[in-house]
Protein backbone atom coordinates (compact mmCIF):
# COMPACT_ATOMS: atom_id res chain seq x y z
CA MET A 1 4.59 -33.42 17.47
CA ARG A 2 4.17 -34.03 20.64
CA GLY A 3 2.93 -37.74 22.76
CA ARG A 4 0.03 -37.74 24.06
CA ASN A 5 1.91 -38.87 27.06
CA GLN A 6 5.04 -36.16 26.85
CA LYS A 7 5.95 -35.50 30.63
CA THR A 8 5.44 -31.63 31.70
CA PRO A 9 9.27 -30.60 31.72
CA PRO A 10 10.62 -30.16 34.97
CA ARG A 11 11.36 -26.24 35.24
CA ALA A 12 7.75 -25.74 34.75
CA HIS A 13 6.51 -28.72 36.81
CA GLY A 14 8.46 -26.76 40.19
CA LEU A 15 6.80 -23.22 38.84
CA SER A 16 3.51 -24.52 38.76
CA MET A 17 4.36 -26.17 42.56
CA LEU A 18 5.05 -22.84 43.23
CA MET A 19 2.79 -21.07 42.20
CA LEU A 20 0.02 -23.33 44.06
CA GLY A 21 1.92 -23.11 47.31
CA ALA A 22 1.80 -18.95 47.04
CA GLY A 23 -1.72 -18.95 46.58
CA ALA A 24 -2.37 -21.80 49.52
CA ALA A 25 -0.34 -19.78 51.68
CA VAL A 26 -2.46 -16.24 50.95
CA LEU A 27 -6.10 -17.90 51.59
CA VAL A 28 -4.33 -19.11 55.22
CA MET A 29 -3.03 -15.87 55.99
CA ALA A 30 -6.49 -14.61 54.58
CA LEU A 31 -7.63 -17.18 56.94
CA ALA A 32 -6.44 -16.03 60.04
CA GLY A 33 -6.58 -12.55 59.34
CA ALA A 34 -10.34 -12.97 59.29
CA LEU A 35 -10.80 -15.49 62.53
CA PHE A 36 -8.16 -13.10 64.23
CA VAL A 37 -10.78 -9.90 64.02
CA ALA A 38 -13.98 -12.19 64.32
CA SER A 39 -12.19 -13.47 67.71
CA GLY A 40 -11.48 -9.35 69.21
CA THR A 41 -8.71 -10.20 70.87
CA TYR A 42 -6.91 -7.05 69.39
CA ASP A 43 -7.39 -3.78 72.09
CA ILE A 44 -8.67 -0.98 69.80
CA ALA A 45 -8.57 1.03 73.30
CA ALA A 46 -6.72 3.97 73.69
CA ALA A 47 -5.51 3.92 77.22
CA THR A 48 -3.76 0.61 75.60
CA PRO A 49 -0.99 1.34 73.59
CA HIS A 50 0.23 -0.37 70.16
CA TRP A 51 2.15 -3.29 69.48
CA PRO A 52 5.22 -2.57 68.43
CA ILE A 53 5.06 -4.32 65.49
CA THR A 54 1.67 -1.71 64.67
CA SER A 55 3.33 1.25 65.42
CA TRP A 56 5.96 0.59 63.04
CA VAL A 57 3.45 -0.75 60.73
CA MET A 58 1.27 2.55 60.68
CA GLN A 59 4.01 4.90 60.72
CA GLN A 60 5.94 4.23 58.18
CA THR A 61 1.99 3.80 56.32
CA ARG A 62 2.08 6.94 57.63
CA ASN A 63 4.64 9.20 56.40
CA ARG A 64 4.98 7.38 53.21
CA SER A 65 2.22 9.01 52.43
CA ILE A 66 2.02 12.05 53.32
CA ALA A 67 5.57 12.20 51.18
CA MET A 68 3.91 10.38 47.94
CA HIS A 69 0.85 12.62 48.57
CA ALA A 70 3.11 15.56 49.45
CA ALA A 71 5.55 15.31 46.20
CA GLY A 72 3.69 18.10 43.43
CA ILE A 73 2.78 20.75 46.42
CA GLN A 74 4.91 23.66 45.81
CA VAL A 75 5.67 25.76 47.98
CA PRO A 76 4.88 29.62 48.07
CA PRO A 77 7.33 32.05 49.07
CA GLY A 78 6.95 34.53 52.04
CA LEU A 79 6.40 31.72 54.13
CA ASP A 80 8.48 34.61 56.23
CA ASP A 81 6.91 37.46 56.62
CA PRO A 82 6.56 38.38 59.43
CA GLN A 83 2.53 39.31 58.79
CA LYS A 84 1.98 35.81 57.24
CA VAL A 85 3.22 34.24 60.33
CA ALA A 86 1.16 36.21 62.98
CA ILE A 87 -2.31 35.08 60.92
CA GLY A 88 -1.34 31.82 61.15
CA THR A 89 -0.80 32.39 65.09
CA GLU A 90 -4.31 32.82 64.63
CA HIS A 91 -5.43 29.61 62.57
CA PHE A 92 -2.48 27.92 65.51
CA ALA A 93 -4.42 29.67 68.67
CA ALA A 94 -7.46 28.57 68.01
CA HIS A 95 -7.43 25.79 66.65
CA CYS A 96 -4.08 23.49 66.91
CA ALA A 97 -3.17 24.10 70.74
CA ASN A 98 -5.51 23.16 72.55
CA CYS A 99 -3.87 19.52 71.30
CA HIS A 100 -1.09 19.94 70.54
CA GLY A 101 -0.13 22.74 73.24
CA ALA A 102 1.72 25.69 72.36
CA PRO A 103 4.80 27.78 74.10
CA GLY A 104 3.32 28.42 77.15
CA VAL A 105 -0.03 26.07 76.60
CA PRO A 106 -0.28 22.72 77.83
CA ARG A 107 -2.77 20.15 76.27
CA SER A 108 -5.86 20.66 77.02
CA GLU A 109 -7.05 17.42 79.68
CA ALA A 110 -8.76 15.47 76.06
CA ALA A 111 -5.65 15.79 74.49
CA GLU A 112 -3.83 13.74 76.62
CA GLY A 113 -6.47 11.12 76.56
CA LEU A 114 -5.60 10.75 72.64
CA TYR A 115 -3.82 8.05 71.22
CA PRO A 116 -1.69 8.42 69.32
CA ARG A 117 -0.80 11.66 71.33
CA PRO A 118 -1.16 14.46 69.75
CA PRO A 119 2.70 15.96 69.03
CA ASP A 120 4.44 18.69 70.62
CA LEU A 121 5.36 20.71 67.13
CA ALA A 122 7.70 22.28 67.58
CA HIS A 123 9.58 18.70 66.39
CA ALA A 124 7.03 18.89 63.33
CA PRO A 125 10.08 20.87 60.28
CA ALA A 126 12.98 18.45 61.58
CA HIS A 127 10.25 15.39 60.27
CA TYR A 128 8.18 17.46 57.57
CA THR A 129 8.60 19.04 55.44
CA PRO A 130 6.65 22.89 54.33
CA ALA A 131 4.67 21.34 51.43
CA GLU A 132 4.05 18.12 53.69
CA LEU A 133 2.42 20.11 56.34
CA PHE A 134 0.36 21.88 54.24
CA TRP A 135 -0.35 19.30 52.51
CA ILE A 136 -1.46 17.60 56.83
CA LEU A 137 -3.56 20.61 58.22
CA ARG A 138 -5.55 20.52 54.54
CA ASN A 139 -6.33 16.30 54.07
CA GLY A 140 -5.77 15.30 58.33
CA ILE A 141 -4.42 11.79 58.99
CA LYS A 142 -6.20 8.84 59.48
CA MET A 143 -7.00 7.16 62.72
CA THR A 144 -5.07 9.36 64.76
CA GLY A 145 -7.35 12.16 66.10
CA MET A 146 -5.95 15.32 63.71
CA PRO A 147 -8.77 16.19 61.30
CA SER A 148 -9.18 18.25 58.07
CA TRP A 149 -8.50 21.74 57.69
CA SER A 150 -10.02 21.87 54.15
CA ASP A 151 -12.53 24.12 54.69
CA HIS A 152 -9.58 26.83 55.19
CA SER A 153 -8.48 28.71 52.11
CA ASP A 154 -5.20 27.59 51.41
CA ASP A 155 -3.51 31.25 52.10
CA GLU A 156 -4.76 30.29 55.45
CA LEU A 157 -3.20 26.68 55.94
CA TRP A 158 0.09 28.03 54.20
CA ALA A 159 0.20 31.14 57.21
CA THR A 160 -0.47 28.53 59.87
CA VAL A 161 2.76 26.65 57.96
CA ALA A 162 4.74 29.60 58.32
CA PHE A 163 4.00 29.65 61.57
CA ILE A 164 4.92 25.63 62.55
CA GLU A 165 8.13 26.67 61.42
CA LYS A 166 8.76 29.36 63.59
CA LEU A 167 7.95 27.16 66.46
CA PRO A 168 10.95 25.66 66.79
CA GLY A 169 13.26 27.27 69.86
CA MET A 170 10.14 29.64 70.82
CA THR A 171 9.85 30.50 73.42
CA GLU A 172 6.71 31.42 75.93
CA ALA A 173 6.78 35.33 75.71
CA ASP A 174 8.09 34.41 71.53
CA TYR A 175 3.88 33.27 71.54
CA GLY A 176 2.36 35.61 73.72
CA LYS A 177 2.98 38.28 71.46
CA LEU A 178 2.29 37.44 67.90
CA VAL A 179 -1.03 36.07 70.01
CA VAL A 180 -2.16 39.83 70.54
CA GLN A 181 -0.30 40.96 67.08
CA SER A 182 -2.77 38.63 65.57
CA MET A 183 -5.78 39.65 67.53
CA GLN A 184 -4.82 42.94 66.64
CA MET A 185 -5.06 42.47 62.94
CA GLY A 186 -8.52 41.38 63.77
CA GLY A 187 -8.32 38.14 63.55
CA ARG A 188 -11.47 36.24 65.48
CA HIS A 189 -12.52 32.87 65.37
CA GLN A 190 -15.80 32.40 66.99
CA HIS A 191 -15.19 28.44 68.19
CA GLY A 192 -12.71 27.37 70.17
CA GLY A 193 -10.76 30.02 71.92
CA MET A 194 -7.69 31.07 71.61
CA ALA A 195 -5.68 29.44 73.49
CA MET A 196 -2.76 32.53 75.36
CA PRO A 197 0.03 31.53 78.13
CA ASN A 198 -0.36 32.34 80.94
CA GLY A 199 -0.63 36.41 82.33
CA THR A 200 -0.33 37.31 78.84
CA PRO A 201 -2.41 40.62 78.98
CA MET A 202 -4.77 41.38 75.99
CA PRO A 203 -4.81 43.90 73.55
CA ALA A 204 -7.64 46.43 73.52
CA ASN A 205 -9.38 48.08 71.28
CA MET A 206 -9.10 45.25 68.67
CA PRO A 207 -11.11 45.25 65.36
CA GLY A 208 -13.69 43.47 64.93
CA MET A 209 -13.05 41.52 68.41
CA ASP A 210 -16.03 39.95 70.45
CA MET A 211 -13.96 39.75 73.95
CA LYS A 212 -17.04 37.02 74.82
CA ASN A 213 -16.20 34.33 72.59
CA MET A 214 -12.43 34.70 73.20
CA PRO A 215 -11.52 32.91 76.29
CA MET A 216 -8.44 32.54 77.55
CA ARG A 217 -7.40 28.66 79.38
CA GLU A 218 -5.49 29.42 82.30
CA LYS A 219 -2.35 27.42 82.57
CA THR A 220 -1.65 24.76 85.81
CA ALA A 221 0.93 25.63 87.98
CA LEU A 222 3.45 23.34 87.78
CA PRO A 223 6.66 22.79 89.59
CA ALA A 224 9.48 24.27 89.00
CA GLY A 225 11.11 22.11 85.96
CA THR A 226 8.26 20.41 84.02
CA ASP A 227 8.22 19.74 80.90
CA HIS A 228 5.23 21.02 80.04
CA HIS A 229 4.31 18.79 76.90
CA GLN A 230 5.47 15.38 78.40
């Protein structure tokens, strides 16, 4: 039977002090964070880049979240099907090129003012798998301006992935031909118009196409050698 005045073993005492210290540290950090938020010190302006540590944390969180949530997605066969690529071209030209640009189509003025700036998707296949690209299209990404296209069918989103997979190395002429092909197949989007390279001829007798609702964005003349996606 232990005596009333028996001391706590040194190991148990050390563990208790460690837990107490950890709890105090968490409390101090929470209080400091609350004071930082309440002070309004952090600049949320889109014109001001994130601190390097903030950018790193957000990028790591984004990339790991996308990889984890897309892990169980099965990629359907036939992403190389030219007809599927053409269908994806229509969705991309109507919904994506305005912010991300396309071969021969610069980003819109509004997209240039976004932060983070919408990336050139010609580089996307090098960083994301087809399953991850599908997840991004379907769900969007918080705090980036990337919307969710969950109101579109899976078939259309996979077709868009098929198009994005073809973007690396795609020329302005290649993109123009795909846009025209998608329009000749009867593709129609009534909002936003189709972003087309300057000089791409509009096809005649397109089934179901209301030409009044398909404006073409004019390409601003740039000096020779200028990178459209800078």
